[in-house]
Amino acid sequence: MSVRNANITLYHREYNPEQGQDVWTRTPYTGVSWYGGREVTTGTGGDTAADGYTVRIFTNEAVTVQPGDIVVQGIVSDEITSASQLTQKYPESWRVTLVRDNRRGGLAHWRIGGE
């Protein structure tokens, strides 16, 4: 059983051709599993450090998320026009790079990873 240790706000980006710009939709999720932070990877050129995060959203419902979206730890209400407005304001925010639909099986959830 995964620990439900956080609340998040997911900002989903879609291009609106009528407006000629990206539009960000904000969705809060409570009771998610959040883990991650600074990760060190050893390679042929030495150690490299990067932030790596994983969130699991426990639901049987569809979640609108794709790479490039932004996750913020906590419930926030900012209206934004760019990702940098969030990543500069909230230290525990990151860009989505991986989305997995794991709604089959005993513990239905969406796994979202990023840095």
PDB file of N, CA and C in Angstrom:
ATOM      1  N   MET A   1       0.847  -1.189   0.000  1.00  0.00           N
ATOM      2  CA  MET A   1       0.000   0.000   0.000  1.00  0.00           C
ATOM      3  C   MET A   1       0.882   1.238   0.000  1.00  0.00           C
ATOM      4  N   SER A   2       0.648   2.147  -0.897  1.00  0.00           N
ATOM      5  CA  SER A   2       1.424   3.378  -0.977  1.00  0.00           C
ATOM      6  C   SER A   2       0.950   4.383   0.059  1.00  0.00           C
ATOM      7  N   VAL A   3       1.880   5.138   0.552  1.00  0.00           N
ATOM      8  CA  VAL A   3       1.579   6.171   1.535  1.00  0.00           C
ATOM      9  C   VAL A   3       0.968   7.378   0.823  1.00  0.00           C
ATOM     10  N   ARG A   4      -0.147   7.847   1.342  1.00  0.00           N
ATOM     11  CA  ARG A   4      -0.795   9.045   0.787  1.00  0.00           C
ATOM     12  C   ARG A   4      -0.359  10.214   1.653  1.00  0.00           C
ATOM     13  N   ASN A   5       0.716  10.866   1.220  1.00  0.00           N
ATOM     14  CA  ASN A   5       1.396  11.825   2.070  1.00  0.00           C
ATOM     15  C   ASN A   5       1.379  13.262   1.574  1.00  0.00           C
ATOM     16  N   ALA A   6       0.600  13.568   0.547  1.00  0.00           N
ATOM     17  CA  ALA A   6       0.664  14.933   0.010  1.00  0.00           C
ATOM     18  C   ALA A   6      -0.604  15.289  -0.747  1.00  0.00           C
ATOM     19  N   ASN A   7      -0.710  16.572  -1.013  1.00  0.00           N
ATOM     20  CA  ASN A   7      -1.696  17.119  -1.932  1.00  0.00           C
ATOM     21  C   ASN A   7      -0.909  17.824  -3.029  1.00  0.00           C
ATOM     22  N   ILE A   8      -1.451  17.831  -4.244  1.00  0.00           N
ATOM     23  CA  ILE A   8      -0.766  18.505  -5.346  1.00  0.00           C
ATOM     24  C   ILE A   8      -1.749  19.328  -6.154  1.00  0.00           C
ATOM     25  N   THR A   9      -1.185  20.210  -6.959  1.00  0.00           N
ATOM     26  CA  THR A   9      -1.941  20.899  -7.988  1.00  0.00           C
ATOM     27  C   THR A   9      -1.252  20.583  -9.306  1.00  0.00           C
ATOM     28  N   LEU A  10      -2.016  20.049 -10.241  1.00  0.00           N
ATOM     29  CA  LEU A  10      -1.501  19.713 -11.560  1.00  0.00           C
ATOM     30  C   LEU A  10      -1.922  20.799 -12.537  1.00  0.00           C
ATOM     31  N   TYR A  11      -0.951  21.374 -13.220  1.00  0.00           N
ATOM     32  CA  TYR A  11      -1.214  22.377 -14.259  1.00  0.00           C
ATOM     33  C   TYR A  11      -1.001  21.722 -15.615  1.00  0.00           C
ATOM     34  N   HIS A  12      -2.089  21.607 -16.372  1.00  0.00           N
ATOM     35  CA  HIS A  12      -2.057  20.976 -17.689  1.00  0.00           C
ATOM     36  C   HIS A  12      -2.043  22.061 -18.765  1.00  0.00           C
ATOM     37  N   ARG A  13      -1.115  21.909 -19.717  1.00  0.00           N
ATOM     38  CA  ARG A  13      -0.960  22.904 -20.785  1.00  0.00           C
ATOM     39  C   ARG A  13      -1.552  22.388 -22.089  1.00  0.00           C
ATOM     40  N   GLU A  14      -2.352  23.232 -22.723  1.00  0.00           N
ATOM     41  CA  GLU A  14      -2.878  22.950 -24.057  1.00  0.00           C
ATOM     42  C   GLU A  14      -2.779  24.213 -24.893  1.00  0.00           C
ATOM     43  N   TYR A  15      -2.469  24.041 -26.164  1.00  0.00           N
ATOM     44  CA  TYR A  15      -2.407  25.186 -27.077  1.00  0.00           C
ATOM     45  C   TYR A  15      -3.806  25.526 -27.562  1.00  0.00           C
ATOM     46  N   ASN A  16      -4.184  26.798 -27.469  1.00  0.00           N
ATOM     47  CA  ASN A  16      -5.477  27.274 -27.937  1.00  0.00           C
ATOM     48  C   ASN A  16      -5.240  28.065 -29.219  1.00  0.00           C
ATOM     49  N   PRO A  17      -5.590  27.499 -30.389  1.00  0.00           N
ATOM     50  CA  PRO A  17      -5.317  28.193 -31.652  1.00  0.00           C
ATOM     51  C   PRO A  17      -6.097  29.494 -31.815  1.00  0.00           C
ATOM     52  N   GLU A  18      -7.280  29.581 -31.219  1.00  0.00           N
ATOM     53  CA  GLU A  18      -8.067  30.812 -31.313  1.00  0.00           C
ATOM     54  C   GLU A  18      -7.384  31.959 -30.582  1.00  0.00           C
ATOM     55  N   GLN A  19      -6.759  31.645 -29.440  1.00  0.00           N
ATOM     56  CA  GLN A  19      -6.047  32.665 -28.669  1.00  0.00           C
ATOM     57  C   GLN A  19      -4.604  32.805 -29.120  1.00  0.00           C
ATOM     58  N   GLY A  20      -4.098  31.790 -29.848  1.00  0.00           N
ATOM     59  CA  GLY A  20      -2.720  31.824 -30.313  1.00  0.00           C
ATOM     60  C   GLY A  20      -1.708  31.662 -29.191  1.00  0.00           C
ATOM     61  N   GLN A  21      -2.100  30.957 -28.120  1.00  0.00           N
ATOM     62  CA  GLN A  21      -1.195  30.778 -26.981  1.00  0.00           C
ATOM     63  C   GLN A  21      -1.572  29.546 -26.177  1.00  0.00           C
ATOM     64  N   ASP A  22      -0.661  29.165 -25.275  1.00  0.00           N
ATOM     65  CA  ASP A  22      -0.940  28.063 -24.367  1.00  0.00           C
ATOM     66  C   ASP A  22      -1.931  28.510 -23.302  1.00  0.00           C
ATOM     67  N   VAL A  23      -2.810  27.587 -22.921  1.00  0.00           N
ATOM     68  CA  VAL A  23      -3.764  27.809 -21.843  1.00  0.00           C
ATOM     69  C   VAL A  23      -3.496  26.745 -20.792  1.00  0.00           C
ATOM     70  N   TRP A  24      -3.399  27.165 -19.536  1.00  0.00           N
ATOM     71  CA  TRP A  24      -3.084  26.246 -18.429  1.00  0.00           C
ATOM     72  C   TRP A  24      -4.330  26.005 -17.598  1.00  0.00           C
ATOM     73  N   THR A  25      -4.654  24.719 -17.382  1.00  0.00           N
ATOM     74  CA  THR A  25      -5.790  24.316 -16.563  1.00  0.00           C
ATOM     75  C   THR A  25      -5.258  23.720 -15.264  1.00  0.00           C
ATOM     76  N   ARG A  26      -5.790  24.184 -14.160  1.00  0.00           N
ATOM     77  CA  ARG A  26      -5.321  23.778 -12.828  1.00  0.00           C
ATOM     78  C   ARG A  26      -6.297  22.775 -12.226  1.00  0.00           C
ATOM     79  N   THR A  27      -5.755  21.627 -11.720  1.00  0.00           N
ATOM     80  CA  THR A  27      -6.583  20.621 -11.066  1.00  0.00           C
ATOM     81  C   THR A  27      -5.910  20.194  -9.763  1.00  0.00           C
ATOM     82  N   PRO A  28      -6.595  20.356  -8.622  1.00  0.00           N
ATOM     83  CA  PRO A  28      -6.027  19.890  -7.345  1.00  0.00           C
ATOM     84  C   PRO A  28      -6.327  18.414  -7.122  1.00  0.00           C
ATOM     85  N   TYR A  29      -5.386  17.721  -6.481  1.00  0.00           N
ATOM     86  CA  TYR A  29      -5.571  16.326  -6.088  1.00  0.00           C
ATOM     87  C   TYR A  29      -5.118  16.179  -4.636  1.00  0.00           C
ATOM     88  N   THR A  30      -5.951  15.548  -3.826  1.00  0.00           N
ATOM     89  CA  THR A  30      -5.603  15.322  -2.419  1.00  0.00           C
ATOM     90  C   THR A  30      -5.304  13.842  -2.205  1.00  0.00           C
ATOM     91  N   GLY A  31      -4.497  13.569  -1.179  1.00  0.00           N
ATOM     92  CA  GLY A  31      -4.195  12.197  -0.817  1.00  0.00           C
ATOM     93  C   GLY A  31      -3.390  11.438  -1.851  1.00  0.00           C
ATOM     94  N   VAL A  32      -2.383  12.088  -2.421  1.00  0.00           N
ATOM     95  CA  VAL A  32      -1.514  11.425  -3.390  1.00  0.00           C
ATOM     96  C   VAL A  32      -0.253  10.920  -2.692  1.00  0.00           C
ATOM     97  N   SER A  33       0.479  10.070  -3.380  1.00  0.00           N
ATOM     98  CA  SER A  33       1.775   9.623  -2.889  1.00  0.00           C
ATOM     99  C   SER A  33       2.843  10.446  -3.600  1.00  0.00           C
ATOM    100  N   TRP A  34       3.667  11.143  -2.821  1.00  0.00           N
ATOM    101  CA  TRP A  34       4.717  12.020  -3.352  1.00  0.00           C
ATOM    102  C   TRP A  34       6.054  11.542  -2.814  1.00  0.00           C
ATOM    103  N   TYR A  35       7.009  11.326  -3.692  1.00  0.00           N
ATOM    104  CA  TYR A  35       8.368  11.084  -3.213  1.00  0.00           C
ATOM    105  C   TYR A  35       9.360  11.574  -4.255  1.00  0.00           C
ATOM    106  N   GLY A  36      10.543  11.893  -3.779  1.00  0.00           N
ATOM    107  CA  GLY A  36      11.589  12.335  -4.679  1.00  0.00           C
ATOM    108  C   GLY A  36      12.387  13.476  -4.102  1.00  0.00           C
ATOM    109  N   GLY A  37      13.230  14.007  -4.921  1.00  0.00           N
ATOM    110  CA  GLY A  37      14.144  15.079  -4.553  1.00  0.00           C
ATOM    111  C   GLY A  37      15.416  14.939  -5.352  1.00  0.00           C
ATOM    112  N   ARG A  38      16.523  15.315  -4.786  1.00  0.00           N
ATOM    113  CA  ARG A  38      17.810  15.252  -5.462  1.00  0.00           C
ATOM    114  C   ARG A  38      18.239  13.801  -5.637  1.00  0.00           C
ATOM    115  N   GLU A  39      18.552  13.414  -6.875  1.00  0.00           N
ATOM    116  CA  GLU A  39      19.034  12.070  -7.178  1.00  0.00           C
ATOM    117  C   GLU A  39      20.429  12.171  -7.776  1.00  0.00           C
ATOM    118  N   VAL A  40      21.304  11.237  -7.423  1.00  0.00           N
ATOM    119  CA  VAL A  40      22.649  11.196  -7.974  1.00  0.00           C
ATOM    120  C   VAL A  40      22.775   9.946  -8.831  1.00  0.00           C
ATOM    121  N   THR A  41      23.244  10.127 -10.065  1.00  0.00           N
ATOM    122  CA  THR A  41      23.440   9.020 -10.987  1.00  0.00           C
ATOM    123  C   THR A  41      24.919   8.924 -11.316  1.00  0.00           C
ATOM    124  N   THR A  42      25.477   7.726 -11.244  1.00  0.00           N
ATOM    125  CA  THR A  42      26.877   7.502 -11.574  1.00  0.00           C
ATOM    126  C   THR A  42      26.976   7.040 -13.013  1.00  0.00           C
ATOM    127  N   GLY A  43      27.783   7.740 -13.785  1.00  0.00           N
ATOM    128  CA  GLY A  43      27.979   7.387 -15.190  1.00  0.00           C
ATOM    129  C   GLY A  43      29.457   7.335 -15.515  1.00  0.00           C
ATOM    130  N   THR A  44      29.772   7.160 -16.782  1.00  0.00           N
ATOM    131  CA  THR A  44      31.171   7.057 -17.201  1.00  0.00           C
ATOM    132  C   THR A  44      31.923   8.367 -17.000  1.00  0.00           C
ATOM    133  N   GLY A  45      31.224   9.467 -17.010  1.00  0.00           N
ATOM    134  CA  GLY A  45      31.851  10.766 -16.806  1.00  0.00           C
ATOM    135  C   GLY A  45      31.834  11.221 -15.355  1.00  0.00           C
ATOM    136  N   GLY A  46      31.412  10.364 -14.448  1.00  0.00           N
ATOM    137  CA  GLY A  46      31.341  10.724 -13.029  1.00  0.00           C
ATOM    138  C   GLY A  46      29.906  10.820 -12.565  1.00  0.00           C
ATOM    139  N   ASP A  47      29.727  11.365 -11.364  1.00  0.00           N
ATOM    140  CA  ASP A  47      28.394  11.508 -10.780  1.00  0.00           C
ATOM    141  C   ASP A  47      27.705  12.752 -11.325  1.00  0.00           C
ATOM    142  N   THR A  48      26.407  12.638 -11.563  1.00  0.00           N
ATOM    143  CA  THR A  48      25.594  13.791 -11.931  1.00  0.00           C
ATOM    144  C   THR A  48      24.391  13.832 -10.997  1.00  0.00           C
ATOM    145  N   ALA A  49      23.997  15.033 -10.614  1.00  0.00           N
ATOM    146  CA  ALA A  49      22.865  15.215  -9.708  1.00  0.00           C
ATOM    147  C   ALA A  49      21.727  15.895 -10.445  1.00  0.00           C
ATOM    148  N   ALA A  50      20.518  15.466 -10.150  1.00  0.00           N
ATOM    149  CA  ALA A  50      19.323  16.065 -10.730  1.00  0.00           C
ATOM    150  C   ALA A  50      18.158  15.812  -9.792  1.00  0.00           C
ATOM    151  N   ASP A  51      17.128  16.625  -9.926  1.00  0.00           N
ATOM    152  CA  ASP A  51      15.913  16.406  -9.157  1.00  0.00           C
ATOM    153  C   ASP A  51      15.076  15.353  -9.872  1.00  0.00           C
ATOM    154  N   GLY A  52      14.505  14.433  -9.124  1.00  0.00           N
ATOM    155  CA  GLY A  52      13.620  13.418  -9.688  1.00  0.00           C
ATOM    156  C   GLY A  52      12.445  13.195  -8.748  1.00  0.00           C
ATOM    157  N   TYR A  53      11.242  13.229  -9.296  1.00  0.00           N
ATOM    158  CA  TYR A  53      10.041  13.109  -8.477  1.00  0.00           C
ATOM    159  C   TYR A  53       9.088  12.090  -9.082  1.00  0.00           C
ATOM    160  N   THR A  54       8.296  11.464  -8.224  1.00  0.00           N
ATOM    161  CA  THR A  54       7.215  10.589  -8.651  1.00  0.00           C
ATOM    162  C   THR A  54       5.997  10.878  -7.789  1.00  0.00           C
ATOM    163  N   VAL A  55       4.853  11.005  -8.449  1.00  0.00           N
ATOM    164  CA  VAL A  55       3.573  11.176  -7.763  1.00  0.00           C
ATOM    165  C   VAL A  55       2.642  10.085  -8.261  1.00  0.00           C
ATOM    166  N   ARG A  56       1.893   9.519  -7.345  1.00  0.00           N
ATOM    167  CA  ARG A  56       0.837   8.577  -7.709  1.00  0.00           C
ATOM    168  C   ARG A  56      -0.500   9.192  -7.310  1.00  0.00           C
ATOM    169  N   ILE A  57      -1.378   9.340  -8.301  1.00  0.00           N
ATOM    170  CA  ILE A  57      -2.731   9.853  -8.080  1.00  0.00           C
ATOM    171  C   ILE A  57      -3.662   8.646  -8.083  1.00  0.00           C
ATOM    172  N   PHE A  58      -4.283   8.373  -6.941  1.00  0.00           N
ATOM    173  CA  PHE A  58      -5.120   7.190  -6.781  1.00  0.00           C
ATOM    174  C   PHE A  58      -6.536   7.485  -7.252  1.00  0.00           C
ATOM    175  N   THR A  59      -6.880   6.953  -8.425  1.00  0.00           N
ATOM    176  CA  THR A  59      -8.209   7.148  -8.984  1.00  0.00           C
ATOM    177  C   THR A  59      -8.443   6.140 -10.096  1.00  0.00           C
ATOM    178  N   ASN A  60      -9.702   5.835 -10.331  1.00  0.00           N
ATOM    179  CA  ASN A  60     -10.093   5.042 -11.498  1.00  0.00           C
ATOM    180  C   ASN A  60     -10.481   5.947 -12.664  1.00  0.00           C
ATOM    181  N   GLU A  61     -10.564   7.241 -12.399  1.00  0.00           N
ATOM    182  CA  GLU A  61     -10.964   8.215 -13.412  1.00  0.00           C
ATOM    183  C   GLU A  61      -9.776   8.592 -14.293  1.00  0.00           C
ATOM    184  N   ALA A  62     -10.069   9.116 -15.470  1.00  0.00           N
ATOM    185  CA  ALA A  62      -9.020   9.627 -16.352  1.00  0.00           C
ATOM    186  C   ALA A  62      -8.416  10.888 -15.745  1.00  0.00           C
ATOM    187  N   VAL A  63      -7.107  11.037 -15.870  1.00  0.00           N
ATOM    188  CA  VAL A  63      -6.400  12.233 -15.435  1.00  0.00           C
ATOM    189  C   VAL A  63      -5.789  12.857 -16.684  1.00  0.00           C
ATOM    190  N   THR A  64      -6.055  14.127 -16.906  1.00  0.00           N
ATOM    191  CA  THR A  64      -5.520  14.815 -18.070  1.00  0.00           C
ATOM    192  C   THR A  64      -4.134  15.332 -17.723  1.00  0.00           C
ATOM    193  N   VAL A  65      -3.125  14.622 -18.225  1.00  0.00           N
ATOM    194  CA  VAL A  65      -1.730  14.967 -17.931  1.00  0.00           C
ATOM    195  C   VAL A  65      -0.863  14.488 -19.085  1.00  0.00           C
ATOM    196  N   GLN A  66       0.184  15.243 -19.376  1.00  0.00           N
ATOM    197  CA  GLN A  66       1.118  14.893 -20.437  1.00  0.00           C
ATOM    198  C   GLN A  66       2.479  15.498 -20.125  1.00  0.00           C
ATOM    199  N   PRO A  67       3.531  14.980 -20.756  1.00  0.00           N
ATOM    200  CA  PRO A  67       4.844  15.597 -20.563  1.00  0.00           C
ATOM    201  C   PRO A  67       4.802  17.095 -20.882  1.00  0.00           C
ATOM    202  N   GLY A  68       5.463  17.872 -20.039  1.00  0.00           N
ATOM    203  CA  GLY A  68       5.445  19.330 -20.171  1.00  0.00           C
ATOM    204  C   GLY A  68       4.533  20.011 -19.182  1.00  0.00           C
ATOM    205  N   ASP A  69       3.584  19.250 -18.605  1.00  0.00           N
ATOM    206  CA  ASP A  69       2.721  19.814 -17.569  1.00  0.00           C
ATOM    207  C   ASP A  69       3.556  20.062 -16.311  1.00  0.00           C
ATOM    208  N   ILE A  70       2.998  20.781 -15.346  1.00  0.00           N
ATOM    209  CA  ILE A  70       3.712  21.131 -14.118  1.00  0.00           C
ATOM    210  C   ILE A  70       2.950  20.606 -12.907  1.00  0.00           C
ATOM    211  N   VAL A  71       3.698  20.027 -11.955  1.00  0.00           N
ATOM    212  CA  VAL A  71       3.142  19.580 -10.681  1.00  0.00           C
ATOM    213  C   VAL A  71       3.697  20.478  -9.583  1.00  0.00           C
ATOM    214  N   VAL A  72       2.810  20.967  -8.726  1.00  0.00           N
ATOM    215  CA  VAL A  72       3.195  21.780  -7.570  1.00  0.00           C
ATOM    216  C   VAL A  72       2.762  21.030  -6.321  1.00  0.00           C
ATOM    217  N   GLN A  73       3.653  20.904  -5.353  1.00  0.00           N
ATOM    218  CA  GLN A  73       3.269  20.277  -4.092  1.00  0.00           C
ATOM    219  C   GLN A  73       2.383  21.246  -3.327  1.00  0.00           C
ATOM    220  N   GLY A  74       1.216  20.744  -2.893  1.00  0.00           N
ATOM    221  CA  GLY A  74       0.251  21.568  -2.187  1.00  0.00           C
ATOM    222  C   GLY A  74      -0.856  22.032  -3.122  1.00  0.00           C
ATOM    223  N   ILE A  75      -1.901  22.568  -2.521  1.00  0.00           N
ATOM    224  CA  ILE A  75      -3.024  23.109  -3.279  1.00  0.00           C
ATOM    225  C   ILE A  75      -2.789  24.602  -3.449  1.00  0.00           C
ATOM    226  N   VAL A  76      -2.636  25.029  -4.694  1.00  0.00           N
ATOM    227  CA  VAL A  76      -2.387  26.437  -5.002  1.00  0.00           C
ATOM    228  C   VAL A  76      -3.427  26.917  -6.007  1.00  0.00           C
ATOM    229  N   SER A  77      -3.573  28.224  -6.124  1.00  0.00           N
ATOM    230  CA  SER A  77      -4.625  28.769  -6.988  1.00  0.00           C
ATOM    231  C   SER A  77      -4.104  29.764  -8.015  1.00  0.00           C
ATOM    232  N   ASP A  78      -2.818  29.738  -8.292  1.00  0.00           N
ATOM    233  CA  ASP A  78      -2.230  30.684  -9.246  1.00  0.00           C
ATOM    234  C   ASP A  78      -2.820  30.499 -10.647  1.00  0.00           C
ATOM    235  N   GLU A  79      -3.143  31.603 -11.292  1.00  0.00           N
ATOM    236  CA  GLU A  79      -3.499  31.604 -12.710  1.00  0.00           C
ATOM    237  C   GLU A  79      -2.212  31.951 -13.440  1.00  0.00           C
ATOM    238  N   ILE A  80      -1.811  31.135 -14.419  1.00  0.00           N
ATOM    239  CA  ILE A  80      -0.508  31.327 -15.051  1.00  0.00           C
ATOM    240  C   ILE A  80      -0.618  31.393 -16.563  1.00  0.00           C
ATOM    241  N   THR A  81       0.458  31.914 -17.173  1.00  0.00           N
ATOM    242  CA  THR A  81       0.588  31.921 -18.625  1.00  0.00           C
ATOM    243  C   THR A  81       1.866  31.220 -19.071  1.00  0.00           C
ATOM    244  N   SER A  82       2.738  30.839 -18.092  1.00  0.00           N
ATOM    245  CA  SER A  82       3.958  30.094 -18.428  1.00  0.00           C
ATOM    246  C   SER A  82       4.382  29.241 -17.238  1.00  0.00           C
ATOM    247  N   ALA A  83       5.101  28.161 -17.538  1.00  0.00           N
ATOM    248  CA  ALA A  83       5.557  27.238 -16.505  1.00  0.00           C
ATOM    249  C   ALA A  83       6.500  27.908 -15.523  1.00  0.00           C
ATOM    250  N   SER A  84       7.324  28.829 -15.993  1.00  0.00           N
ATOM    251  CA  SER A  84       8.313  29.458 -15.117  1.00  0.00           C
ATOM    252  C   SER A  84       7.666  30.247 -13.985  1.00  0.00           C
ATOM    253  N   GLN A  85       6.431  30.677 -14.148  1.00  0.00           N
ATOM    254  CA  GLN A  85       5.741  31.368 -13.062  1.00  0.00           C
ATOM    255  C   GLN A  85       5.572  30.462 -11.854  1.00  0.00           C
ATOM    256  N   LEU A  86       5.449  29.172 -12.081  1.00  0.00           N
ATOM    257  CA  LEU A  86       5.312  28.217 -10.983  1.00  0.00           C
ATOM    258  C   LEU A  86       6.663  27.730 -10.484  1.00  0.00           C
ATOM    259  N   THR A  87       7.545  27.340 -11.400  1.00  0.00           N
ATOM    260  CA  THR A  87       8.820  26.748 -10.997  1.00  0.00           C
ATOM    261  C   THR A  87       9.707  27.752 -10.266  1.00  0.00           C
ATOM    262  N   GLN A  88       9.545  29.036 -10.534  1.00  0.00           N
ATOM    263  CA  GLN A  88      10.307  30.052  -9.808  1.00  0.00           C
ATOM    264  C   GLN A  88       9.694  30.362  -8.444  1.00  0.00           C
ATOM    265  N   LYS A  89       8.394  30.243  -8.324  1.00  0.00           N
ATOM    266  CA  LYS A  89       7.704  30.595  -7.079  1.00  0.00           C
ATOM    267  C   LYS A  89       7.690  29.448  -6.075  1.00  0.00           C
ATOM    268  N   TYR A  90       7.549  28.208  -6.560  1.00  0.00           N
ATOM    269  CA  TYR A  90       7.397  27.059  -5.679  1.00  0.00           C
ATOM    270  C   TYR A  90       8.600  26.128  -5.812  1.00  0.00           C
ATOM    271  N   PRO A  91       9.413  26.011  -4.754  1.00  0.00           N
ATOM    272  CA  PRO A  91      10.590  25.136  -4.824  1.00  0.00           C
ATOM    273  C   PRO A  91      10.233  23.670  -5.080  1.00  0.00           C
ATOM    274  N   GLU A  92       9.096  23.221  -4.592  1.00  0.00           N
ATOM    275  CA  GLU A  92       8.661  21.834  -4.802  1.00  0.00           C
ATOM    276  C   GLU A  92       7.685  21.777  -5.976  1.00  0.00           C
ATOM    277  N   SER A  93       8.161  22.232  -7.134  1.00  0.00           N
ATOM    278  CA  SER A  93       7.391  22.120  -8.375  1.00  0.00           C
ATOM    279  C   SER A  93       8.318  21.559  -9.444  1.00  0.00           C
ATOM    280  N   TRP A  94       7.734  20.865 -10.411  1.00  0.00           N
ATOM    281  CA  TRP A  94       8.553  20.229 -11.430  1.00  0.00           C
ATOM    282  C   TRP A  94       7.749  19.938 -12.684  1.00  0.00           C
ATOM    283  N   ARG A  95       8.500  19.730 -13.774  1.00  0.00           N
ATOM    284  CA  ARG A  95       7.920  19.460 -15.085  1.00  0.00           C
ATOM    285  C   ARG A  95       7.721  17.950 -15.264  1.00  0.00           C
ATOM    286  N   VAL A  96       6.555  17.562 -15.756  1.00  0.00           N
ATOM    287  CA  VAL A  96       6.228  16.165 -16.007  1.00  0.00           C
ATOM    288  C   VAL A  96       7.020  15.663 -17.219  1.00  0.00           C
ATOM    289  N   THR A  97       7.683  14.509 -17.048  1.00  0.00           N
ATOM    290  CA  THR A  97       8.404  13.879 -18.154  1.00  0.00           C
ATOM    291  C   THR A  97       7.894  12.475 -18.459  1.00  0.00           C
ATOM    292  N   LEU A  98       7.109  11.889 -17.531  1.00  0.00           N
ATOM    293  CA  LEU A  98       6.662  10.505 -17.670  1.00  0.00           C
ATOM    294  C   LEU A  98       5.248  10.365 -17.122  1.00  0.00           C
ATOM    295  N   VAL A  99       4.389   9.690 -17.868  1.00  0.00           N
ATOM    296  CA  VAL A  99       3.017   9.432 -17.418  1.00  0.00           C
ATOM    297  C   VAL A  99       2.708   7.961 -17.663  1.00  0.00           C
ATOM    298  N   ARG A 100       2.216   7.284 -16.628  1.00  0.00           N
ATOM    299  CA  ARG A 100       1.817   5.877 -16.741  1.00  0.00           C
ATOM    300  C   ARG A 100       0.406   5.701 -16.173  1.00  0.00           C
ATOM    301  N   ASP A 101      -0.456   5.078 -16.965  1.00  0.00           N
ATOM    302  CA  ASP A 101      -1.816   4.758 -16.542  1.00  0.00           C
ATOM    303  C   ASP A 101      -1.787   3.368 -15.913  1.00  0.00           C
ATOM    304  N   ASN A 102      -1.843   3.310 -14.593  1.00  0.00           N
ATOM    305  CA  ASN A 102      -1.805   2.047 -13.854  1.00  0.00           C
ATOM    306  C   ASN A 102      -3.148   1.781 -13.169  1.00  0.00           C
ATOM    307  N   ARG A 103      -4.226   1.959 -13.908  1.00  0.00           N
ATOM    308  CA  ARG A 103      -5.550   1.779 -13.309  1.00  0.00           C
ATOM    309  C   ARG A 103      -6.012   0.334 -13.304  1.00  0.00           C
ATOM    310  N   ARG A 104      -5.239  -0.580 -13.875  1.00  0.00           N
ATOM    311  CA  ARG A 104      -5.587  -1.999 -13.810  1.00  0.00           C
ATOM    312  C   ARG A 104      -4.965  -2.586 -12.551  1.00  0.00           C
ATOM    313  N   GLY A 105      -5.596  -3.577 -11.990  1.00  0.00           N
ATOM    314  CA  GLY A 105      -5.042  -4.228 -10.809  1.00  0.00           C
ATOM    315  C   GLY A 105      -5.687  -3.732  -9.533  1.00  0.00           C
ATOM    316  N   GLY A 106      -5.064  -4.099  -8.424  1.00  0.00           N
ATOM    317  CA  GLY A 106      -5.653  -3.839  -7.115  1.00  0.00           C
ATOM    318  C   GLY A 106      -5.513  -2.426  -6.595  1.00  0.00           C
ATOM    319  N   LEU A 107      -4.534  -1.665  -7.070  1.00  0.00           N
ATOM    320  CA  LEU A 107      -4.306  -0.313  -6.569  1.00  0.00           C
ATOM    321  C   LEU A 107      -4.282   0.656  -7.749  1.00  0.00           C
ATOM    322  N   ALA A 108      -5.475   1.017  -8.219  1.00  0.00           N
ATOM    323  CA  ALA A 108      -5.600   1.873  -9.395  1.00  0.00           C
ATOM    324  C   ALA A 108      -4.998   3.246  -9.134  1.00  0.00           C
ATOM    325  N   HIS A 109      -4.104   3.664 -10.059  1.00  0.00           N
ATOM    326  CA  HIS A 109      -3.484   4.982  -9.919  1.00  0.00           C
ATOM    327  C   HIS A 109      -2.831   5.418 -11.223  1.00  0.00           C
ATOM    328  N   TRP A 110      -2.499   6.686 -11.280  1.00  0.00           N
ATOM    329  CA  TRP A 110      -1.687   7.266 -12.348  1.00  0.00           C
ATOM    330  C   TRP A 110      -0.316   7.544 -11.754  1.00  0.00           C
ATOM    331  N   ARG A 111       0.746   7.127 -12.435  1.00  0.00           N
ATOM    332  CA  ARG A 111       2.103   7.406 -11.992  1.00  0.00           C
ATOM    333  C   ARG A 111       2.667   8.500 -12.873  1.00  0.00           C
ATOM    334  N   ILE A 112       3.070   9.592 -12.236  1.00  0.00           N
ATOM    335  CA  ILE A 112       3.595  10.755 -12.940  1.00  0.00           C
ATOM    336  C   ILE A 112       5.002  11.014 -12.442  1.00  0.00           C
ATOM    337  N   GLY A 113       5.950  11.071 -13.349  1.00  0.00           N
ATOM    338  CA  GLY A 113       7.334  11.328 -12.974  1.00  0.00           C
ATOM    339  C   GLY A 113       7.837  12.597 -13.630  1.00  0.00           C
ATOM    340  N   GLY A 114       8.879  13.149 -13.039  1.00  0.00           N
ATOM    341  CA  GLY A 114       9.428  14.355 -13.640  1.00  0.00           C
ATOM    342  C   GLY A 114      10.655  14.851 -12.910  1.00  0.00           C
ATOM    343  N   GLU A 115      11.095  16.023 -13.341  1.00  0.00           N
ATOM    344  CA  GLU A 115      12.296  16.627 -12.761  1.00  0.00           C
ATOM    345  C   GLU A 115      12.153  18.129 -12.703  1.00  0.00           C
TER     346      GLU A 115
END
